[in-house]
Amino acid sequence: MVPIDFDCDDIVMNEKEKQGDASRAPRLSVVVPMYNEIENVAPFFNDVHKALEHYCGEWELVLVDDGSSDGTGEALRQEAISSGGHVRVISLQRNFGQTAAMQAGFDAARGEVIATLDGDLQNDPADIPRLVERLVAEDLDLIQGWRQKRKDDLIRKIPSRIANRLIGRITDVTLHDYGCSLKVYRASVIKGVRLFGDMHRFIPAWMSMYTSSSRITEEVVNHRARIHGESKYGLGRTFRVIIDLISVYFFLRFLSRPGHFFGRISMFFGGLGGLILGYLGVLKIGFGEDIGTRPLLLIGILFILVAVQLMTTGVLSELNSRTYFATGDTRSYTVRRDSGGGLADKPKDDD
């Protein structure tokens, strides 16, 4: 794939066509969750500032310390003080996980375009301007990074490739690399998505609920080998991906009609139970056999009860949970400290 040269004039002209404002490129927020990456803090700051020093619009760096225990949070705050007011550090009360940390960053971001990447130096911040330009030029809502030449061992590559294929088949959002943290979003769309659990792996799928799949694409990005620290991912996440994938499948296909999802399973068990009881009924009525002590009778009754439970309790519980997340406090994290800084909130136009 041929890389797109970064050109401020192209971004400004596209923004002019969309917003009637040719004076600036879109305001950019770079959101980075970090957990126990103290050795990477200083080189990460250098990389980001070098990559964005010629960006032709306002930009901010939103760093989320996800309850680190090695001094990462303090190191981030020290670097933020020396870097200037465009850097904002949010420290969470404890380690809530990458999904919650990313959600905290999205909530704090004030830019019109949001870029995310890991703080382990494996993602290259120099790719961000190119992805921003393409997002604006092609009027997209999400560009997913594709680590075509991934610098990881086979223990991480093989499960990732299997997961990518499964996610693509189930979600109908076909991408090569769902796990790459380097992404660029249109803020107005991603801020409407609420993330829970370990759902950061499925952000493109979640976004397809809020925008057309044609506005989601991918771009080849650079990937570097980890130099400092240890990877936070292992084979154990494969099982979590499978479980989360079931939830994604349900919410993508049956959010507005959950009865259809549980109804299918209910009909399966109800059908089996009905066949079993029908068969036993024929034996009892037609041939006079004693069926009262046959284990098959209990199995048939059990399948009927399971069918009823799936059709009632399951649907109600799922609807209640969605109602809670839609109307309650949907934050999946607690902030301990917010250093402030970053972009100022955009003033509202006077009526």
Protein backbone atom coordinates (compact mmCIF):
# COMPACT_ATOMS: atom_id res chain seq x y z
CA MET A 1 0.00 0.00 0.00
CA VAL A 2 1.39 3.40 -1.01
CA PRO A 3 1.72 5.76 1.99
CA ILE A 4 -0.01 9.15 1.84
CA ASP A 5 2.29 12.14 2.26
CA PHE A 6 1.23 14.39 5.12
CA ASP A 7 0.12 17.79 3.78
CA CYS A 8 -1.40 20.46 6.03
CA ASP A 9 -2.91 22.25 3.04
CA ASP A 10 -4.90 19.14 2.08
CA ILE A 11 -6.33 18.83 5.58
CA VAL A 12 -7.24 22.51 5.75
CA MET A 13 -8.95 22.44 2.35
CA ASN A 14 -11.02 19.40 3.31
CA GLU A 15 -12.01 21.06 6.55
CA LYS A 16 -12.94 24.17 4.58
CA GLU A 17 -15.25 22.17 2.36
CA LYS A 18 -16.92 20.53 5.36
CA GLN A 19 -17.03 23.38 7.88
CA GLY A 20 -16.37 26.57 5.93
CA ASP A 21 -13.24 27.18 8.03
CA ALA A 22 -9.91 27.20 6.22
CA SER A 23 -7.90 28.61 9.11
CA ARG A 24 -6.95 25.34 10.78
CA ALA A 25 -6.69 21.57 10.63
CA PRO A 26 -8.97 19.54 12.94
CA ARG A 27 -8.20 19.76 16.63
CA LEU A 28 -6.43 16.52 17.55
CA SER A 29 -6.43 14.57 20.82
CA VAL A 30 -3.90 11.77 21.25
CA VAL A 31 -5.16 9.35 23.90
CA VAL A 32 -2.65 6.93 25.44
CA PRO A 33 -3.40 4.47 28.28
CA MET A 34 -0.33 3.39 30.27
CA TYR A 35 0.22 0.73 32.90
CA ASN A 36 3.64 0.10 34.46
CA GLU A 37 5.62 1.62 31.58
CA ILE A 38 7.97 3.88 33.54
CA GLU A 39 10.98 3.10 31.32
CA ASN A 40 9.02 4.12 28.22
CA VAL A 41 7.65 7.44 29.52
CA ALA A 42 10.54 9.75 28.50
CA PRO A 43 11.18 8.23 25.04
CA PHE A 44 7.43 8.15 24.39
CA PHE A 45 7.12 11.90 25.05
CA ASN A 46 10.02 12.53 22.69
CA ASP A 47 8.49 10.39 19.94
CA VAL A 48 5.05 12.02 20.14
CA HIS A 49 6.35 15.57 20.14
CA LYS A 50 8.72 14.85 17.29
CA ALA A 51 5.89 13.26 15.27
CA LEU A 52 3.47 16.15 15.82
CA GLU A 53 5.80 19.16 15.89
CA HIS A 54 4.70 20.14 12.38
CA TYR A 55 1.00 19.35 12.80
CA CYS A 56 -0.84 22.38 11.45
CA GLY A 57 -3.67 22.42 14.00
CA GLU A 58 -4.11 22.43 17.75
CA TRP A 59 -3.36 19.15 19.48
CA GLU A 60 -3.28 17.72 22.96
CA LEU A 61 -1.81 14.62 24.59
CA VAL A 62 -4.14 12.84 27.02
CA LEU A 63 -2.28 10.24 29.09
CA VAL A 64 -4.21 7.84 31.30
CA ASP A 65 -2.26 6.18 34.11
CA ASP A 66 -4.21 2.98 34.72
CA GLY A 67 -3.26 2.53 38.37
CA SER A 68 0.44 1.86 37.75
CA SER A 69 2.49 0.62 40.68
CA ASP A 70 5.99 1.38 39.34
CA GLY A 71 5.92 5.19 39.39
CA THR A 72 4.61 5.64 35.84
CA GLY A 73 2.00 8.16 37.00
CA GLU A 74 4.55 10.43 38.68
CA ALA A 75 6.89 10.17 35.71
CA LEU A 76 4.05 11.19 33.40
CA ARG A 77 3.22 14.22 35.53
CA GLN A 78 6.85 15.33 35.61
CA GLU A 79 7.13 15.06 31.83
CA ALA A 80 3.81 16.90 31.44
CA ILE A 81 5.07 19.83 33.53
CA SER A 82 8.17 20.20 31.36
CA SER A 83 6.23 19.73 28.10
CA GLY A 84 3.58 22.42 28.49
CA GLY A 85 -0.14 22.92 28.93
CA HIS A 86 -1.15 20.78 25.96
CA VAL A 87 -0.43 17.62 28.00
CA ARG A 88 -3.03 16.22 30.36
CA VAL A 89 -2.42 13.31 32.77
CA ILE A 90 -5.37 11.40 34.24
CA SER A 91 -4.57 8.94 37.03
CA LEU A 92 -7.18 6.29 37.75
CA GLN A 93 -7.93 5.13 41.28
CA ARG A 94 -6.70 1.60 40.55
CA ASN A 95 -5.96 -0.68 37.62
CA PHE A 96 -9.30 -0.85 35.77
CA GLY A 97 -7.92 -2.35 32.55
CA GLN A 98 -7.16 -0.99 29.11
CA THR A 99 -10.79 -0.61 28.03
CA ALA A 100 -11.71 1.59 31.00
CA ALA A 101 -8.50 3.60 30.59
CA MET A 102 -9.32 4.25 26.95
CA GLN A 103 -12.86 5.28 27.87
CA ALA A 104 -11.45 7.73 30.42
CA GLY A 105 -9.26 9.19 27.70
CA PHE A 106 -12.15 9.48 25.25
CA ASP A 107 -14.25 11.26 27.88
CA ALA A 108 -11.44 13.74 28.57
CA ALA A 109 -10.47 14.37 24.93
CA ARG A 110 -11.51 17.74 23.49
CA GLY A 111 -10.36 17.33 19.91
CA GLU A 112 -12.49 16.82 16.81
CA VAL A 113 -10.27 13.88 15.88
CA ILE A 114 -8.96 11.36 18.41
CA ALA A 115 -5.93 9.13 17.90
CA THR A 116 -5.05 6.24 20.21
CA LEU A 117 -1.88 4.22 20.59
CA ASP A 118 -0.10 2.13 23.21
CA GLY A 119 2.56 3.64 25.44
CA ASP A 120 5.01 0.75 24.98
CA LEU A 121 6.73 2.38 21.95
CA GLN A 122 5.64 -0.41 19.60
CA ASN A 123 3.17 1.89 17.80
CA ASP A 124 4.85 4.68 15.85
CA PRO A 125 3.36 8.17 16.53
CA ALA A 126 4.79 9.32 13.19
CA ASP A 127 1.90 7.48 11.50
CA ILE A 128 -0.73 9.69 13.18
CA PRO A 129 -0.61 12.73 10.83
CA ARG A 130 -0.95 10.48 7.78
CA LEU A 131 -3.99 8.71 9.27
CA VAL A 132 -5.58 12.04 10.27
CA GLU A 133 -5.15 13.34 6.74
CA ARG A 134 -6.83 10.28 5.25
CA LEU A 135 -9.69 10.41 7.78
CA VAL A 136 -10.43 14.00 6.77
CA ALA A 137 -9.78 13.57 3.04
CA GLU A 138 -12.06 10.53 2.69
CA ASP A 139 -14.63 11.65 5.27
CA LEU A 140 -14.20 8.50 7.39
CA ASP A 141 -15.14 7.82 11.01
CA LEU A 142 -12.41 5.32 11.91
CA ILE A 143 -9.06 4.26 10.48
CA GLN A 144 -7.72 1.08 12.08
CA GLY A 145 -3.95 0.54 12.04
CA TRP A 146 -2.72 -2.63 10.35
CA ARG A 147 0.60 -4.01 11.64
CA GLN A 148 1.46 -5.73 8.37
CA LYS A 149 5.03 -6.40 9.52
CA ARG A 150 4.36 -7.15 13.15
CA LYS A 151 7.38 -7.36 15.46
CA ASP A 152 6.02 -9.96 17.91
CA ASP A 153 6.71 -13.63 18.51
CA LEU A 154 4.51 -16.45 17.19
CA ILE A 155 2.90 -16.98 20.61
CA ARG A 156 1.20 -13.60 20.15
CA LYS A 157 0.82 -13.63 16.37
CA ILE A 158 -1.02 -16.93 15.89
CA PRO A 159 -3.85 -16.36 18.43
CA SER A 160 -4.19 -12.80 17.12
CA ARG A 161 -4.65 -13.99 13.53
CA ILE A 162 -7.25 -16.55 14.59
CA ALA A 163 -9.09 -13.90 16.62
CA ASN A 164 -9.01 -11.45 13.69
CA ARG A 165 -10.66 -14.01 11.40
CA LEU A 166 -13.33 -14.88 13.97
CA ILE A 167 -14.13 -11.23 14.67
CA GLY A 168 -14.37 -10.47 10.95
CA ARG A 169 -16.76 -13.34 10.30
CA ILE A 170 -19.05 -12.58 13.21
CA THR A 171 -19.13 -8.78 13.01
CA ASP A 172 -19.08 -8.29 9.21
CA VAL A 173 -16.43 -5.59 9.70
CA THR A 174 -13.54 -7.09 7.75
CA LEU A 175 -10.14 -5.85 8.90
CA HIS A 176 -6.72 -7.49 9.12
CA ASP A 177 -5.69 -6.33 12.58
CA TYR A 178 -8.32 -5.55 15.22
CA GLY A 179 -5.73 -5.67 17.99
CA CYS A 180 -3.63 -2.73 16.84
CA SER A 181 -4.08 0.14 19.30
CA LEU A 182 -3.10 2.76 16.74
CA LYS A 183 -6.43 4.10 15.51
CA VAL A 184 -7.80 7.48 14.44
CA TYR A 185 -11.46 8.31 15.16
CA ARG A 186 -13.92 11.05 14.42
CA ALA A 187 -14.62 12.26 17.97
CA SER A 188 -18.33 12.87 17.43
CA VAL A 189 -18.78 9.15 16.67
CA ILE A 190 -16.46 7.44 19.16
CA LYS A 191 -17.80 9.57 22.03
CA GLY A 192 -21.20 7.95 21.46
CA VAL A 193 -19.74 4.49 22.07
CA ARG A 194 -19.52 3.26 25.67
CA LEU A 195 -16.85 0.65 26.37
CA PHE A 196 -16.95 -1.97 29.15
CA GLY A 197 -15.06 -5.10 30.12
CA ASP A 198 -12.37 -5.87 27.53
CA MET A 199 -14.27 -4.40 24.60
CA HIS A 200 -11.39 -2.26 23.31
CA ARG A 201 -10.52 -5.18 21.00
CA PHE A 202 -13.87 -4.78 19.25
CA ILE A 203 -14.05 -1.00 18.83
CA PRO A 204 -14.48 -1.21 15.03
CA ALA A 205 -17.40 -3.59 15.55
CA TRP A 206 -18.98 -1.36 18.21
CA MET A 207 -18.60 1.66 15.95
CA SER A 208 -20.44 -0.16 13.17
CA MET A 209 -23.54 0.17 15.39
CA TYR A 210 -23.24 3.96 15.19
CA THR A 211 -21.96 4.50 11.66
CA SER A 212 -21.81 2.74 8.30
CA SER A 213 -19.18 0.03 7.86
CA SER A 214 -18.13 1.83 4.67
CA ARG A 215 -16.81 4.67 6.87
CA ILE A 216 -14.48 2.26 8.71
CA THR A 217 -11.24 1.25 7.01
CA GLU A 218 -7.62 0.36 7.76
CA GLU A 219 -4.16 1.64 6.93
CA VAL A 220 -0.76 -0.06 7.10
CA VAL A 221 1.28 1.34 9.98
CA ASN A 222 4.75 0.85 11.33
CA HIS A 223 5.29 -1.60 14.20
CA ARG A 224 8.36 -1.77 16.38
CA ALA A 225 9.75 -4.40 18.73
CA ARG A 226 9.34 -3.77 22.45
CA ILE A 227 12.58 -2.52 24.02
CA HIS A 228 11.63 -1.75 27.62
CA GLY A 229 9.16 -3.33 30.02
CA GLU A 230 7.03 -6.44 29.66
CA SER A 231 4.00 -7.17 27.53
CA LYS A 232 0.67 -7.09 29.38
CA TYR A 233 -0.86 -9.64 27.00
CA GLY A 234 -0.63 -13.42 27.05
CA LEU A 235 -2.40 -16.53 25.86
CA GLY A 236 -4.93 -16.12 28.67
CA ARG A 237 -6.62 -13.28 26.81
CA THR A 238 -7.66 -15.70 24.04
CA PHE A 239 -10.42 -17.10 26.23
CA ARG A 240 -11.60 -13.63 27.17
CA VAL A 241 -11.74 -12.70 23.49
CA ILE A 242 -14.02 -15.67 22.77
CA ILE A 243 -16.38 -14.77 25.61
CA ASP A 244 -16.45 -11.10 24.62
CA LEU A 245 -17.05 -12.10 21.01
CA ILE A 246 -20.31 -13.78 22.04
CA SER A 247 -21.42 -10.53 23.68
CA VAL A 248 -20.43 -8.53 20.60
CA TYR A 249 -22.39 -10.93 18.39
CA PHE A 250 -25.47 -10.52 20.59
CA PHE A 251 -25.38 -6.73 20.74
CA LEU A 252 -24.59 -6.28 17.05
CA ARG A 253 -27.26 -8.65 15.77
CA PHE A 254 -29.95 -8.64 18.45
CA LEU A 255 -29.73 -5.37 20.41
CA SER A 256 -33.12 -4.18 19.17
CA ARG A 257 -34.67 -7.69 19.17
CA PRO A 258 -33.08 -9.75 21.98
CA GLY A 259 -36.07 -12.09 21.98
CA HIS A 260 -34.88 -13.49 18.64
CA PHE A 261 -31.52 -14.49 20.10
CA PHE A 262 -32.92 -16.24 23.14
CA GLY A 263 -35.89 -17.46 21.14
CA ARG A 264 -33.65 -19.48 18.82
CA ILE A 265 -31.98 -21.27 21.71
CA SER A 266 -35.32 -21.66 23.46
CA MET A 267 -36.88 -23.23 20.37
CA PHE A 268 -33.97 -25.67 20.11
CA PHE A 269 -34.38 -26.93 23.66
CA GLY A 270 -38.16 -26.70 23.48
CA GLY A 271 -38.17 -28.69 20.24
CA LEU A 272 -35.96 -31.41 21.70
CA GLY A 273 -38.07 -31.52 24.85
CA GLY A 274 -41.25 -31.71 22.81
CA LEU A 275 -39.90 -34.57 20.67
CA ILE A 276 -38.82 -36.51 23.73
CA LEU A 277 -42.15 -36.08 25.53
CA GLY A 278 -44.03 -36.83 22.31
CA TYR A 279 -42.07 -40.04 21.86
CA LEU A 280 -42.73 -41.05 25.47
CA GLY A 281 -46.41 -40.18 25.03
CA VAL A 282 -46.68 -42.56 22.08
CA LEU A 283 -45.06 -45.32 24.12
CA LYS A 284 -47.44 -44.68 27.00
CA ILE A 285 -50.69 -44.27 25.06
CA GLY A 286 -50.03 -46.50 22.06
CA PHE A 287 -48.15 -49.33 23.66
CA GLY A 288 -49.02 -49.02 27.34
CA GLU A 289 -45.43 -48.89 28.47
CA ASP A 290 -44.48 -47.50 31.88
CA ILE A 291 -42.53 -44.27 31.38
CA GLY A 292 -42.66 -42.91 34.94
CA THR A 293 -39.21 -44.21 35.89
CA ARG A 294 -37.42 -43.53 32.61
CA PRO A 295 -34.60 -40.94 32.76
CA LEU A 296 -35.69 -39.71 29.33
CA LEU A 297 -38.87 -38.30 30.90
CA LEU A 298 -36.83 -36.11 33.25
CA ILE A 299 -34.62 -34.97 30.39
CA GLY A 300 -37.64 -33.99 28.29
CA ILE A 301 -39.18 -32.03 31.17
CA LEU A 302 -35.82 -30.35 31.87
CA PHE A 303 -35.49 -29.22 28.24
CA ILE A 304 -38.97 -27.70 28.34
CA LEU A 305 -38.14 -25.83 31.55
CA VAL A 306 -34.87 -24.58 30.05
CA ALA A 307 -36.78 -23.33 27.01
CA VAL A 308 -39.22 -21.39 29.20
CA GLN A 309 -36.41 -19.91 31.27
CA LEU A 310 -34.52 -18.77 28.18
CA MET A 311 -37.62 -17.19 26.72
CA THR A 312 -38.44 -15.20 29.86
CA THR A 313 -35.65 -14.66 32.37
CA GLY A 314 -32.94 -14.30 29.74
CA VAL A 315 -34.73 -11.67 27.68
CA LEU A 316 -35.75 -9.65 30.73
CA SER A 317 -32.28 -9.68 32.26
CA GLU A 318 -30.64 -8.56 29.04
CA LEU A 319 -33.15 -5.77 28.52
CA ASN A 320 -32.71 -4.60 32.11
CA SER A 321 -28.91 -4.53 31.80
CA ARG A 322 -29.07 -2.46 28.62
CA THR A 323 -31.52 -0.06 30.25
CA TYR A 324 -29.12 0.38 33.16
CA PHE A 325 -26.15 1.18 30.94
CA ALA A 326 -28.21 3.55 28.82
CA THR A 327 -29.65 5.59 31.70
CA GLY A 328 -27.30 5.13 34.65
CA ASP A 329 -23.74 6.24 35.37
CA THR A 330 -21.96 4.44 32.56
CA ARG A 331 -18.39 5.20 33.56
CA SER A 332 -16.30 2.05 34.06
CA TYR A 333 -13.51 3.79 35.95
CA THR A 334 -12.82 6.21 38.85
CA VAL A 335 -10.40 9.12 38.50
CA ARG A 336 -7.99 9.75 41.39
CA ARG A 337 -6.30 12.82 39.93
CA ASP A 338 -6.57 14.97 36.79
CA SER A 339 -3.65 17.29 36.15
CA GLY A 340 -5.65 19.46 33.77
CA GLY A 341 -4.11 20.94 30.66
CA GLY A 342 -4.75 19.89 27.09
CA LEU A 343 -7.07 21.68 24.71
CA ALA A 344 -9.59 24.11 26.10
CA ASP A 345 -13.24 23.19 25.66
CA LYS A 346 -14.51 24.62 22.40
CA PRO A 347 -16.87 27.54 23.11
CA LYS A 348 -20.44 27.18 21.94
CA ASP A 349 -21.70 29.52 19.27
CA ASP A 350 -23.98 32.27 20.51
CA ASP A 351 -27.60 31.89 19.50
